[in-house]
């Protein structure tokens, strides 16, 4: 296969619709990290994503009979737009099945390129099944978003561009990984010509299908996939992509939501462009690599794979960026409920900037306050803060997801009822009327004593719910299991204990 895929990359037809994107030096980031950081700007493609390369190259390999039948695919966004534009260029009918949760901005973009859009299901897997049903009925030709050699070859042209654009030695190239089409194409070409260059895959830690496959020695389906970086939210690496990746990828790094948000801000600071979470995934991995290895004076490339981000999501990104950069700590602090106590606490912070302060009166003797504090970039900065506050009783909540998604946005207060409550967090598909449907599905079995929901522009809504059902926990969990929504028991969550229970 190595020679086959290299030949396909060299013969790939992409430039009728795609452009050769620049490889730009990130000056601020280079100075900060002590390495030469270069961004391969695939966010500047006509559809704001690299996916146009593989989609167009695949269509160009189809026979006239296959083209006459039209093409079909399932996609939540980037492949959909790439295929729609490629089909329009060649005058081919295209049908794209998209999850009903897909934001309107992406649906509109696909329709504007002339493709027919079918909205079905809540996630990619359901849309994929529907697309296969339609294909069986219509005879349209299926264009896979990643697990196809011609698609892989189209993406591999990015590797060609990197080698002829960047002079001198390259130490490592960081590539975002979803289904694996991009990293398979880039890694195959780079390793064929320059085997000394490291090719490192980067995945969200809650969607690490390549890492799981590398460990198992074969493609492995993840039980659950996080959807924050929807462009790389894939449950199982492709068969073709894994065969290529396992022999050509040097390492796989996983990154958190906060680290991707910090990388989005880094890219903005250097380029004044806003990327999607998947697009910033590679840079987040690059930064983690530098931190863990202590790399200095190296030439490191990160592929910025796309910029199809919902504007609504930027609020969530900006909230999490400082945490991802480790420049903010979130703590719960117990102080005496007396005049001057808060002033004394601020003095203990020795001039640090308070980014957030939340408080609600709960008891005549002691107050529990929710505080955000700006800290430095060094790995020891958070511990130095905790050391400065050693005279106070503190719970560090910086890494707690429930705190970041819910607690920091709520007004604290303990339940004034003898019945008590049980706390759970849920995810449900985000669409008009989804919140009401969720409440109706939850039903009137138990009294809802607390409810927090915020729309972050995601495909899924997240809520924190209190149910007055103490003594009936077995019944509640049995009911929630049957309900079908992913949920998490939050009854032992430290932040919930401090502020709500």
Protein backbone atom coordinates (compact mmCIF):
# COMPACT_ATOMS: atom_id res chain seq x y z
CA UNK A 1 0.00 0.00 0.00
CA UNK A 2 2.79 2.60 0.68
CA UNK A 3 3.66 3.05 -3.00
CA UNK A 4 -0.01 2.98 -3.99
CA UNK A 5 -1.01 5.81 -1.67
CA UNK A 6 2.06 7.91 -2.60
CA UNK A 7 1.22 7.56 -6.29
CA UNK A 8 -2.39 8.57 -5.56
CA UNK A 9 -1.22 11.64 -3.62
CA UNK A 10 1.09 12.72 -6.45
CA UNK A 11 -1.76 12.32 -8.96
CA UNK A 12 -4.47 13.83 -6.76
CA UNK A 13 -6.68 16.46 -8.37
CA UNK A 14 -7.52 19.09 -5.81
CA UNK A 15 -6.53 22.50 -7.14
CA UNK A 16 -9.54 23.00 -9.38
CA UNK A 17 -11.40 23.91 -6.18
CA UNK A 18 -8.86 23.93 -3.34
CA UNK A 19 -6.08 26.47 -2.85
CA UNK A 20 -2.51 26.03 -1.68
CA UNK A 21 -2.82 27.44 1.82
CA UNK A 22 -0.02 29.37 3.49
CA UNK A 23 2.25 28.02 6.20
CA UNK A 24 2.50 31.01 8.52
CA UNK A 25 4.88 31.58 11.41
CA UNK A 26 3.08 32.23 14.70
CA UNK A 27 5.38 34.95 16.02
CA UNK A 28 3.93 35.49 19.47
CA UNK A 29 3.57 31.79 20.18
CA UNK A 30 7.05 31.05 18.85
CA UNK A 31 8.55 33.58 21.24
CA UNK A 32 6.52 32.30 24.17
CA UNK A 33 7.29 28.61 23.61
CA UNK A 34 10.93 29.04 22.60
CA UNK A 35 10.41 27.16 19.31
CA UNK A 36 9.54 28.09 15.74
CA UNK A 37 5.80 27.44 15.51
CA UNK A 38 4.24 27.33 12.04
CA UNK A 39 0.52 27.06 11.30
CA UNK A 40 -0.64 25.34 8.10
CA UNK A 41 -3.73 27.43 7.37
CA UNK A 42 -6.36 25.03 6.02
CA UNK A 43 -8.96 27.34 7.57
CA UNK A 44 -8.38 29.53 4.48
CA UNK A 45 -9.85 27.01 2.03
CA UNK A 46 -13.00 28.12 0.13
CA UNK A 47 -15.13 26.01 2.52
CA UNK A 48 -12.93 26.95 5.53
CA UNK A 49 -11.70 23.37 5.91
CA UNK A 50 -9.25 20.89 4.34
CA UNK A 51 -12.13 18.50 3.55
CA UNK A 52 -12.59 20.00 0.08
CA UNK A 53 -9.34 18.30 -1.01
CA UNK A 54 -10.41 14.72 -0.34
CA UNK A 55 -14.00 15.19 -1.46
CA UNK A 56 -13.04 16.67 -4.82
CA UNK A 57 -10.29 14.14 -5.50
CA UNK A 58 -12.70 11.29 -4.78
CA UNK A 59 -15.37 12.65 -7.13
CA UNK A 60 -12.75 13.07 -9.87
CA UNK A 61 -11.99 9.33 -9.72
CA UNK A 62 -15.63 8.30 -10.28
CA UNK A 63 -16.82 6.97 -13.61
CA UNK A 64 -19.32 8.93 -15.67
CA UNK A 65 -21.97 6.35 -14.79
CA UNK A 66 -21.32 6.89 -11.07
CA UNK A 67 -21.40 10.66 -11.49
CA UNK A 68 -24.68 10.47 -13.39
CA UNK A 69 -26.26 8.67 -10.43
CA UNK A 70 -25.20 11.51 -8.13
CA UNK A 71 -23.26 11.36 -4.87
CA UNK A 72 -24.37 11.00 -1.27
CA UNK A 73 -22.68 11.25 2.12
CA UNK A 74 -23.39 11.72 5.81
CA UNK A 75 -21.66 14.59 7.57
CA UNK A 76 -22.09 17.05 10.42
CA UNK A 77 -20.41 19.89 8.56
CA UNK A 78 -16.98 20.09 6.94
CA UNK A 79 -17.15 17.06 4.63
CA UNK A 80 -20.67 18.11 3.73
CA UNK A 81 -19.53 21.53 2.56
CA UNK A 82 -16.52 20.13 0.75
CA UNK A 83 -18.56 17.53 -1.11
CA UNK A 84 -21.31 20.02 -1.94
CA UNK A 85 -18.84 22.45 -3.52
CA UNK A 86 -16.99 19.66 -5.34
CA UNK A 87 -20.25 18.32 -6.78
CA UNK A 88 -21.31 21.81 -7.84
CA UNK A 89 -18.00 22.31 -9.64
CA UNK A 90 -18.54 19.11 -11.66
CA UNK A 91 -22.28 19.56 -12.15
CA UNK A 92 -23.13 16.48 -10.08
CA UNK A 93 -26.23 16.05 -7.94
CA UNK A 94 -25.31 15.75 -4.25
CA UNK A 95 -27.36 14.65 -1.26
CA UNK A 96 -26.00 15.20 2.25
CA UNK A 97 -27.61 13.62 5.31
CA UNK A 98 -26.87 15.75 8.36
CA UNK A 99 -27.88 15.24 12.00
CA UNK A 100 -30.93 17.29 12.93
CA UNK A 101 -28.76 18.88 15.61
CA UNK A 102 -26.47 20.47 13.00
CA UNK A 103 -26.36 24.28 13.43
CA UNK A 104 -28.23 26.28 10.78
CA UNK A 105 -25.04 28.03 9.65
CA UNK A 106 -23.61 24.73 8.38
CA UNK A 107 -26.89 23.51 6.89
CA UNK A 108 -27.28 26.80 5.03
CA UNK A 109 -23.70 26.65 3.72
CA UNK A 110 -24.30 23.19 2.23
CA UNK A 111 -27.59 24.24 0.62
CA UNK A 112 -25.96 27.38 -0.78
CA UNK A 113 -23.56 25.12 -2.71
CA UNK A 114 -26.57 23.46 -4.35
CA UNK A 115 -26.71 20.18 -2.44
CA UNK A 116 -29.91 18.60 -1.14
CA UNK A 117 -29.86 18.36 2.66
CA UNK A 118 -31.69 15.65 4.59
CA UNK A 119 -31.82 16.23 8.34
CA UNK A 120 -32.05 13.02 10.33
CA UNK A 121 -31.17 11.77 13.80
CA UNK A 122 -29.32 13.38 16.65
CA UNK A 123 -25.76 12.31 15.82
CA UNK A 124 -23.49 11.33 12.91
CA UNK A 125 -24.02 7.58 13.32
CA UNK A 126 -27.79 7.91 12.84
CA UNK A 127 -27.30 10.20 9.84
CA UNK A 128 -24.84 7.69 8.37
CA UNK A 129 -27.37 4.84 8.62
CA UNK A 130 -29.99 7.01 6.94
CA UNK A 131 -27.61 7.92 4.11
CA UNK A 132 -27.01 4.22 3.40
CA UNK A 133 -30.79 3.65 3.26
CA UNK A 134 -31.20 6.50 0.76
CA UNK A 135 -28.25 5.20 -1.29
CA UNK A 136 -29.89 1.77 -1.52
CA UNK A 137 -33.09 3.38 -2.80
CA UNK A 138 -31.59 5.89 -5.25
CA UNK A 139 -28.39 4.20 -6.40
CA UNK A 140 -26.31 7.29 -5.61
CA UNK A 141 -22.57 6.86 -5.11
CA UNK A 142 -21.38 7.05 -1.52
CA UNK A 143 -18.42 9.36 -0.78
CA UNK A 144 -16.90 8.44 2.55
CA UNK A 145 -15.62 11.37 4.65
CA UNK A 146 -12.32 9.65 5.52
CA UNK A 147 -11.99 5.88 4.99
CA UNK A 148 -11.28 5.87 1.26
CA UNK A 149 -7.88 5.85 -0.47
CA UNK A 150 -8.79 8.63 -2.92
CA UNK A 151 -10.10 10.79 -0.09
CA UNK A 152 -6.92 10.08 1.91
CA UNK A 153 -4.80 10.99 -1.12
CA UNK A 154 -6.56 14.33 -1.47
CA UNK A 155 -5.80 15.18 2.15
CA UNK A 156 -2.20 14.00 1.63
CA UNK A 157 -1.55 16.96 -0.68
CA UNK A 158 -1.21 19.03 2.51
CA UNK A 159 1.95 17.06 3.26
CA UNK A 160 3.29 17.87 -0.21
CA UNK A 161 2.68 21.57 0.36
CA UNK A 162 4.34 21.58 3.77
CA UNK A 163 7.57 20.09 2.40
CA UNK A 164 7.92 22.53 -0.48
CA UNK A 165 6.80 25.58 1.53
CA UNK A 166 9.04 25.21 4.59
CA UNK A 167 12.78 25.45 4.23
CA UNK A 168 15.27 23.65 6.44
CA UNK A 169 14.74 20.93 8.97
CA UNK A 170 11.28 20.19 10.35
CA UNK A 171 11.21 18.44 13.69
CA UNK A 172 7.54 17.49 14.01
CA UNK A 173 4.15 17.92 12.36
CA UNK A 174 1.03 17.83 14.54
CA UNK A 175 -2.19 16.64 12.88
CA UNK A 176 -5.76 16.59 14.25
CA UNK A 177 -7.38 13.16 14.13
CA UNK A 178 -11.03 12.27 13.66
CA UNK A 179 -11.59 9.35 11.31
CA UNK A 180 -7.95 9.50 10.26
CA UNK A 181 -8.09 10.62 6.62
CA UNK A 182 -5.94 13.69 7.18
CA UNK A 183 -3.23 12.07 9.29
CA UNK A 184 -3.08 9.00 7.04
CA UNK A 185 -2.49 11.11 3.93
CA UNK A 186 -0.03 13.52 5.54
CA UNK A 187 1.91 10.83 7.43
CA UNK A 188 2.22 8.56 4.39
CA UNK A 189 3.74 11.32 2.26
CA UNK A 190 5.97 12.82 4.95
CA UNK A 191 7.41 9.48 6.08
CA UNK A 192 8.03 8.37 2.48
CA UNK A 193 10.19 11.41 1.70
CA UNK A 194 11.36 12.61 5.13
CA UNK A 195 11.19 9.73 7.62
CA UNK A 196 13.14 11.71 10.23
CA UNK A 197 10.23 14.12 10.70
CA UNK A 198 7.93 13.11 13.54
CA UNK A 199 4.23 12.93 12.69
CA UNK A 200 2.12 13.24 15.83
CA UNK A 201 -1.65 12.81 15.96
CA UNK A 202 -3.75 14.92 18.32
CA UNK A 203 -7.20 13.94 19.57
CA UNK A 204 -9.64 15.20 22.21
CA UNK A 205 -9.25 13.02 25.27
CA UNK A 206 -12.96 12.16 25.06
CA UNK A 207 -12.77 11.13 21.37
CA UNK A 208 -9.40 9.37 21.17
CA UNK A 209 -10.22 6.64 18.65
CA UNK A 210 -6.71 6.47 17.11
CA UNK A 211 -5.07 6.17 20.52
CA UNK A 212 -7.49 3.34 21.39
CA UNK A 213 -6.76 1.60 18.08
CA UNK A 214 -2.98 1.93 18.55
CA UNK A 215 -3.30 0.32 21.97
CA UNK A 216 -5.54 -2.50 20.73
CA UNK A 217 -3.69 -3.03 17.45
CA UNK A 218 -6.91 -2.62 15.46
CA UNK A 219 -9.78 -0.14 15.03
CA UNK A 220 -11.80 -0.05 18.24
CA UNK A 221 -15.18 1.61 18.74
CA UNK A 222 -15.42 4.02 21.66
CA UNK A 223 -18.44 3.61 23.92
CA UNK A 224 -19.00 7.36 24.05
CA UNK A 225 -17.58 10.34 22.16
CA UNK A 226 -17.33 13.94 23.35
CA UNK A 227 -18.83 16.40 20.91
CA UNK A 228 -17.14 19.72 21.77
CA UNK A 229 -14.71 19.32 18.84
CA UNK A 230 -17.34 17.96 16.46
CA UNK A 231 -14.96 17.95 13.49
CA UNK A 232 -12.93 15.15 15.12
CA UNK A 233 -15.72 13.50 17.13
CA UNK A 234 -15.46 10.02 15.62
CA UNK A 235 -16.08 6.79 17.54
CA UNK A 236 -13.89 4.51 15.43
CA UNK A 237 -10.86 5.09 13.21
CA UNK A 238 -11.23 3.91 9.61
CA UNK A 239 -9.77 0.60 8.44
CA UNK A 240 -7.76 2.12 5.58
CA UNK A 241 -6.69 5.10 7.66
CA UNK A 242 -5.53 2.90 10.54
CA UNK A 243 -3.48 0.62 8.27
CA UNK A 244 -1.55 3.66 7.08
CA UNK A 245 -1.39 5.49 10.41
CA UNK A 246 -0.10 2.58 12.49
CA UNK A 247 3.06 2.38 10.36
CA UNK A 248 3.66 6.11 9.93
CA UNK A 249 2.49 7.96 13.05
CA UNK A 250 5.08 8.41 15.78
CA UNK A 251 2.78 9.26 18.68
CA UNK A 252 -0.75 10.31 19.64
CA UNK A 253 -1.43 13.10 22.14
CA UNK A 254 -4.80 13.77 23.75
CA UNK A 255 -6.00 17.23 24.78
CA UNK A 256 -8.80 18.63 26.91
CA UNK A 257 -11.61 21.00 25.98
CA UNK A 258 -9.88 23.77 27.93
CA UNK A 259 -6.59 23.18 26.09
CA UNK A 260 -8.36 23.45 22.72
CA UNK A 261 -10.04 26.68 23.82
CA UNK A 262 -6.65 28.10 24.83
CA UNK A 263 -5.26 27.12 21.41
CA UNK A 264 -8.16 28.90 19.65
CA UNK A 265 -7.14 32.05 21.54
CA UNK A 266 -3.47 31.52 20.63
CA UNK A 267 -4.33 31.29 16.94
CA UNK A 268 -6.47 34.42 17.20
CA UNK A 269 -3.68 36.34 18.94
CA UNK A 270 -1.23 35.51 16.14
CA UNK A 271 -3.49 35.55 13.06
CA UNK A 272 -6.66 37.45 14.08
CA UNK A 273 -8.63 34.47 12.74
CA UNK A 274 -11.04 32.32 14.73
CA UNK A 275 -10.76 28.59 14.29
CA UNK A 276 -13.11 25.77 15.27
CA UNK A 277 -12.17 23.48 18.19
CA UNK A 278 -11.07 20.68 15.83
CA UNK A 279 -9.00 23.21 13.90
CA UNK A 280 -7.09 24.19 17.05
CA UNK A 281 -6.68 20.60 18.24
CA UNK A 282 -3.25 20.14 16.63
CA UNK A 283 -1.85 23.32 18.18
CA UNK A 284 -3.15 22.26 21.60
CA UNK A 285 -1.21 19.01 21.16
CA UNK A 286 1.89 20.88 20.02
CA UNK A 287 1.85 23.01 23.16
CA UNK A 288 1.42 19.93 25.34
CA UNK A 289 4.35 18.28 23.55
CA UNK A 290 6.60 21.27 24.21
CA UNK A 291 5.59 21.33 27.87
CA UNK A 292 6.13 17.59 28.40
CA UNK A 293 9.40 17.25 26.45
CA UNK A 294 11.00 20.61 27.18
CA UNK A 295 11.63 21.07 23.43
CA UNK A 296 13.64 24.19 22.55
CA UNK A 297 14.66 25.76 19.22
CA UNK A 298 12.69 23.18 17.21
CA UNK A 299 10.62 23.76 14.08
CA UNK A 300 7.13 22.52 14.82
CA UNK A 301 4.14 22.55 12.44
CA UNK A 302 0.47 22.45 13.47
CA UNK A 303 -2.25 21.93 10.88
CA UNK A 304 -5.13 24.34 11.47
CA UNK A 305 -7.75 22.16 9.86
CA UNK A 306 -10.82 24.39 9.80
CA UNK A 307 -12.76 27.46 10.91
CA UNK A 308 -16.40 26.36 10.77
CA UNK A 309 -17.32 27.46 14.26
CA UNK A 310 -20.71 28.66 15.49
CA UNK A 311 -20.56 32.22 16.76
CA UNK A 312 -22.61 31.24 19.84
CA UNK A 313 -19.89 28.83 20.88
CA UNK A 314 -17.31 31.59 21.25
CA UNK A 315 -18.77 32.55 24.62
CA UNK A 316 -17.95 29.08 25.90
CA UNK A 317 -14.51 29.17 24.27
CA UNK A 318 -13.59 32.50 25.88
CA UNK A 319 -14.73 31.27 29.30
CA UNK A 320 -12.52 28.20 29.09
CA UNK A 321 -9.43 29.65 27.38
CA UNK A 322 -7.79 31.01 30.53
CA UNK A 323 -8.33 27.69 32.28
CA UNK A 324 -6.82 25.89 29.30
CA UNK A 325 -3.80 28.16 29.43
CA UNK A 326 -3.61 27.47 33.18
CA UNK A 327 -3.93 31.20 33.86
CA UNK A 328 -6.97 30.91 36.12
CA UNK A 329 -7.74 28.83 39.17
CA UNK A 330 -11.24 28.16 40.51
CA UNK A 331 -11.52 27.56 44.24
CA UNK A 332 -14.15 27.29 46.95
CA UNK A 333 -13.11 29.04 50.16
CA UNK A 334 -14.67 29.01 53.61
CA UNK A 335 -14.40 32.34 55.47
CA UNK A 336 -16.02 33.62 58.67
CA UNK A 337 -19.42 35.27 58.18
CA UNK A 338 -18.37 38.59 59.68
CA UNK A 339 -17.52 42.15 58.56
CA UNK A 340 -14.03 42.46 57.09
CA UNK A 341 -13.63 38.75 56.30
CA UNK A 342 -13.70 39.23 52.54
CA UNK A 343 -11.22 42.12 52.79
CA UNK A 344 -8.89 39.88 54.79
CA UNK A 345 -9.21 37.15 52.18
CA UNK A 346 -8.32 39.60 49.38
CA UNK A 347 -5.26 40.73 51.33
CA UNK A 348 -4.15 37.09 51.52
CA UNK A 349 -4.13 37.01 47.73
CA UNK A 350 -1.14 39.38 47.75
CA UNK A 351 -2.18 41.48 44.78
CA UNK A 352 -3.55 38.70 42.59
CA UNK A 353 -6.43 39.60 40.29
CA UNK A 354 -9.83 38.13 41.24
CA UNK A 355 -11.62 37.13 38.01
CA UNK A 356 -14.86 35.98 39.62
CA UNK A 357 -16.54 36.09 43.01
CA UNK A 358 -19.86 34.41 43.82
CA UNK A 359 -21.48 34.29 47.22
CA UNK A 360 -24.87 33.72 48.82
CA UNK A 361 -25.61 33.96 52.53
CA UNK A 362 -26.15 30.51 53.98
CA UNK A 363 -25.20 30.43 57.63
CA UNK A 364 -24.55 32.87 60.45
CA UNK A 365 -21.12 31.45 61.29
CA UNK A 366 -19.40 30.61 58.02
CA UNK A 367 -19.55 31.69 54.38
CA UNK A 368 -18.57 29.54 51.40
CA UNK A 369 -17.44 31.65 48.46
CA UNK A 370 -16.76 30.70 44.84
CA UNK A 371 -13.67 32.49 43.55
CA UNK A 372 -11.77 32.70 40.26
CA UNK A 373 -8.18 33.92 40.57
CA UNK A 374 -5.70 34.84 37.83
CA UNK A 375 -2.43 32.92 38.12
CA UNK A 376 0.85 32.73 36.18
CA UNK A 377 1.78 30.37 33.36
CA UNK A 378 4.24 28.21 35.28
CA UNK A 379 3.18 24.69 36.34
CA UNK A 380 3.66 25.68 39.99
CA UNK A 381 1.44 28.79 39.89
CA UNK A 382 -1.71 27.09 41.14
CA UNK A 383 0.09 25.41 44.02
CA UNK A 384 1.71 28.74 44.94
CA UNK A 385 -1.79 30.24 45.17
CA UNK A 386 -2.99 27.44 47.42
CA UNK A 387 0.10 27.88 49.59
CA UNK A 388 -0.64 31.61 49.94
CA UNK A 389 -4.12 30.69 51.22
CA UNK A 390 -2.98 27.96 53.62
CA UNK A 391 -4.81 29.66 56.53
CA UNK A 392 -8.16 29.07 54.82
CA UNK A 393 -10.12 25.90 54.18
CA UNK A 394 -10.02 25.55 50.40
CA UNK A 395 -11.31 23.10 47.78
CA UNK A 396 -9.60 23.35 44.38
CA UNK A 397 -12.30 23.06 41.69
CA UNK A 398 -10.20 24.09 38.67
CA UNK A 399 -10.33 20.68 36.99
CA UNK A 400 -13.95 19.83 37.82
CA UNK A 401 -16.15 19.81 34.71
CA UNK A 402 -19.44 20.26 36.59
CA UNK A 403 -18.00 23.36 38.23
CA UNK A 404 -17.01 24.87 34.90
CA UNK A 405 -20.20 24.03 33.02
CA UNK A 406 -22.78 24.65 35.76
CA UNK A 407 -21.75 25.71 39.25
CA UNK A 408 -19.87 28.87 38.33
CA UNK A 409 -22.96 30.18 36.52
CA UNK A 410 -25.45 29.48 39.31
CA UNK A 411 -26.48 31.34 42.44
CA UNK A 412 -25.58 29.10 45.34
CA UNK A 413 -28.02 28.14 48.04
CA UNK A 414 -28.77 25.05 50.07
CA UNK A 415 -32.14 23.35 49.76
CA UNK A 416 -34.61 24.52 52.43
CA UNK A 417 -36.55 21.27 52.62
CA UNK A 418 -36.50 18.20 54.80
CA UNK A 419 -36.98 15.98 51.75
CA UNK A 420 -33.45 16.61 50.45
CA UNK A 421 -32.48 16.03 46.83
CA UNK A 422 -30.43 13.94 44.42
CA UNK A 423 -28.26 15.67 41.80
CA UNK A 424 -27.60 14.50 38.23
CA UNK A 425 -26.14 16.08 35.09
CA UNK A 426 -27.53 15.22 31.64
CA UNK A 427 -26.79 15.68 27.95
CA UNK A 428 -29.57 15.91 25.37
CA UNK A 429 -29.57 16.72 21.63
CA UNK A 430 -29.82 20.49 21.13
CA UNK A 431 -32.54 21.69 18.78
CA UNK A 432 -35.61 23.95 19.00
CA UNK A 433 -37.96 22.54 21.63
CA UNK A 434 -35.35 20.11 22.96
CA UNK A 435 -35.37 21.55 26.47
CA UNK A 436 -39.14 21.20 26.77
CA UNK A 437 -38.98 17.67 25.38
CA UNK A 438 -36.31 16.79 27.93
CA UNK A 439 -38.47 18.11 30.79
CA UNK A 440 -41.50 16.22 29.50
CA UNK A 441 -39.45 13.04 29.19
CA UNK A 442 -38.09 13.47 32.71
CA UNK A 443 -41.71 13.44 33.69
CA UNK A 444 -43.57 14.28 36.88
CA UNK A 445 -42.27 11.35 38.91
CA UNK A 446 -40.33 13.55 41.32
CA UNK A 447 -40.26 17.23 42.16
CA UNK A 448 -37.48 19.13 40.35
CA UNK A 449 -35.76 21.14 43.11
CA UNK A 450 -32.95 22.65 40.99
CA UNK A 451 -32.35 23.08 37.28
CA UNK A 452 -29.49 24.73 35.38
CA UNK A 453 -29.16 24.88 31.61
CA UNK A 454 -27.03 27.06 29.32
CA UNK A 455 -26.92 26.97 25.54
CA UNK A 456 -23.26 26.98 24.46
CA UNK A 457 -23.86 26.62 20.73
CA UNK A 458 -23.06 22.91 20.98
CA UNK A 459 -24.89 20.04 19.31
CA UNK A 460 -25.83 18.86 22.80
CA UNK A 461 -27.38 20.74 25.71
CA UNK A 462 -26.13 20.08 29.23
CA UNK A 463 -28.21 20.43 32.37
CA UNK A 464 -27.75 19.98 36.10
CA UNK A 465 -30.90 18.74 37.84
CA UNK A 466 -31.92 18.30 41.46
CA UNK A 467 -34.69 15.75 42.19
CA UNK A 468 -36.46 15.43 45.53
CA UNK A 469 -36.26 11.65 45.67
CA UNK A 470 -34.07 10.83 48.67
CA UNK A 471 -34.65 7.24 49.79
CA UNK A 472 -35.67 6.29 46.24
CA UNK A 473 -32.23 6.41 44.61
CA UNK A 474 -32.48 2.89 43.17
CA UNK A 475 -35.79 3.79 41.54
CA UNK A 476 -34.34 7.03 40.20
CA UNK A 477 -31.27 5.42 38.59
CA UNK A 478 -33.42 2.66 37.08
CA UNK A 479 -35.70 5.33 35.61
CA UNK A 480 -32.77 7.39 34.30
CA UNK A 481 -31.20 4.33 32.68
CA UNK A 482 -34.47 3.72 30.83
CA UNK A 483 -34.77 7.40 29.91
CA UNK A 484 -31.97 7.06 27.38
CA UNK A 485 -30.13 10.35 27.95
CA UNK A 486 -26.45 10.17 29.00
CA UNK A 487 -26.25 11.22 32.66
CA UNK A 488 -23.75 11.52 35.50
CA UNK A 489 -24.36 11.10 39.25
CA UNK A 490 -23.23 14.37 40.88
CA UNK A 491 -24.18 13.59 44.49
CA UNK A 492 -20.55 13.27 45.56
CA UNK A 493 -19.30 16.22 43.50
CA UNK A 494 -17.32 18.54 45.80
CA UNK A 495 -18.66 21.76 44.31
CA UNK A 496 -22.27 20.59 44.58
CA UNK A 497 -21.69 19.56 48.20
CA UNK A 498 -20.34 23.00 49.05
CA UNK A 499 -22.85 25.19 47.26
CA UNK A 500 -26.12 23.28 46.88
CA UNK A 501 -26.54 20.44 49.36
